[in-house]
Amino acid sequence: MTVSNPVFTTASDLIHQLASGQTSATAVLTMLLDHIDRHNPRINAVVTLDRDNALAQARRLDALGPQNRTAAVGAAGYDERSVVDEGNPHDGRIPADGRLRA
């Protein structure tokens, strides 16, 4: 399974990749944890990281299979039509392509 770098992928694209079986929650999380491990010592942005719990949750999602995995993520509150970024200086909405702009 492969996935584009989740750091530079929109949430919508990740959801589609998870639903189609192109990637797994564990693969995405592992890439994100690697990114944190690589950059956090320099920028110190992550104060607390519950790596074991996050990996356990990702494995549970993967065990559900692609279609059920996506439903579980949706049930957890993700709705790509209403993603709001409180720090966005514009109107509080993320652009349709999902990428934030300064």
Protein backbone atom coordinates (compact mmCIF):
# COMPACT_ATOMS: atom_id res chain seq x y z
CA MET A 1 0.00 0.00 0.00
CA THR A 2 1.25 3.46 -0.80
CA VAL A 3 0.04 6.91 -0.02
CA SER A 4 1.27 10.33 -0.96
CA ASN A 5 2.90 12.13 1.91
CA PRO A 6 -0.01 12.77 4.32
CA VAL A 7 1.66 15.95 5.54
CA PHE A 8 1.00 17.48 2.12
CA THR A 9 -2.26 15.67 1.32
CA THR A 10 -5.72 17.06 1.99
CA ALA A 11 -7.97 15.29 4.47
CA SER A 12 -10.41 14.64 1.62
CA ASP A 13 -7.73 12.90 -0.43
CA LEU A 14 -6.67 10.81 2.56
CA ILE A 15 -10.27 9.75 3.17
CA HIS A 16 -10.58 8.69 -0.47
CA GLN A 17 -7.30 6.75 -0.30
CA LEU A 18 -8.43 5.00 2.88
CA ALA A 19 -11.86 4.18 1.40
CA SER A 20 -10.39 2.75 -1.79
CA GLY A 21 -7.84 0.63 0.05
CA GLN A 22 -4.91 2.53 -1.50
CA THR A 23 -3.51 2.98 1.99
CA SER A 24 -4.20 2.10 5.61
CA ALA A 25 -4.66 4.18 8.73
CA THR A 26 -1.50 2.60 10.14
CA ALA A 27 0.54 3.57 7.05
CA VAL A 28 -0.70 7.17 7.20
CA LEU A 29 -0.08 7.43 10.93
CA THR A 30 3.40 5.92 10.62
CA MET A 31 4.33 8.51 8.00
CA LEU A 32 3.00 11.31 10.20
CA LEU A 33 4.86 9.99 13.25
CA ASP A 34 8.07 9.78 11.19
CA HIS A 35 7.54 13.42 10.16
CA ILE A 36 7.08 14.42 13.80
CA ASP A 37 10.19 12.46 14.83
CA ARG A 38 12.22 14.12 12.08
CA HIS A 39 11.15 17.72 12.68
CA ASN A 40 9.92 18.06 16.27
CA PRO A 41 13.36 18.08 17.94
CA ARG A 42 14.10 21.31 16.07
CA ILE A 43 10.74 23.07 16.34
CA ASN A 44 9.38 21.51 19.56
CA ALA A 45 5.75 21.78 18.39
CA VAL A 46 4.45 18.49 19.83
CA VAL A 47 4.33 18.52 23.61
CA THR A 48 2.56 15.23 24.29
CA LEU A 49 2.37 12.34 21.86
CA ASP A 50 0.45 9.18 22.71
CA ARG A 51 2.10 7.07 20.02
CA ASP A 52 1.01 3.68 21.40
CA ASN A 53 -2.65 4.65 21.69
CA ALA A 54 -2.65 6.26 18.24
CA LEU A 55 -1.12 3.14 16.66
CA ALA A 56 -3.61 0.89 18.47
CA GLN A 57 -6.51 2.98 17.16
CA ALA A 58 -5.09 2.92 13.62
CA ARG A 59 -4.77 -0.88 13.76
CA ARG A 60 -8.39 -1.16 14.97
CA LEU A 61 -9.55 1.00 12.05
CA ASP A 62 -7.53 -1.09 9.60
CA ALA A 63 -9.11 -4.27 10.93
CA LEU A 64 -12.52 -2.91 9.87
CA GLY A 65 -11.59 -2.93 6.16
CA PRO A 66 -11.60 0.04 3.75
CA GLN A 67 -15.33 0.78 3.51
CA ASN A 68 -16.03 0.33 7.23
CA ARG A 69 -12.84 2.18 8.14
CA THR A 70 -14.07 5.26 6.29
CA ALA A 71 -17.50 5.03 7.94
CA ALA A 72 -15.80 4.91 11.35
CA VAL A 73 -13.78 8.02 10.55
CA GLY A 74 -16.98 9.78 9.42
CA ALA A 75 -18.77 8.72 12.60
CA ALA A 76 -15.92 10.27 14.58
CA GLY A 77 -17.00 13.67 13.31
CA TYR A 78 -15.10 14.35 10.10
CA ASP A 79 -17.22 16.03 7.46
CA GLU A 80 -15.19 17.31 4.52
CA ARG A 81 -17.94 19.78 3.64
CA SER A 82 -17.62 21.66 6.91
CA VAL A 83 -13.94 21.80 7.79
CA VAL A 84 -13.37 25.02 9.73
CA ASP A 85 -10.02 26.44 10.73
CA GLU A 86 -10.36 28.87 13.63
CA GLY A 87 -6.91 30.32 12.88
CA ASN A 88 -7.79 31.21 9.30
CA PRO A 89 -7.70 35.01 8.98
CA HIS A 90 -10.21 34.84 6.12
CA ASP A 91 -13.78 33.69 6.64
CA GLY A 92 -12.94 30.65 8.77
CA ARG A 93 -13.52 28.22 5.90
CA ILE A 94 -10.81 26.16 4.29
CA PRO A 95 -10.77 26.60 0.50
CA ALA A 96 -12.45 23.89 -1.58
CA ASP A 97 -9.09 22.33 -2.45
CA GLY A 98 -8.43 21.88 1.29
CA ARG A 99 -5.20 23.82 1.34
CA LEU A 100 -4.71 26.71 3.74
CA ARG A 101 -3.25 29.92 2.45
CA ALA A 102 -1.64 32.78 4.33
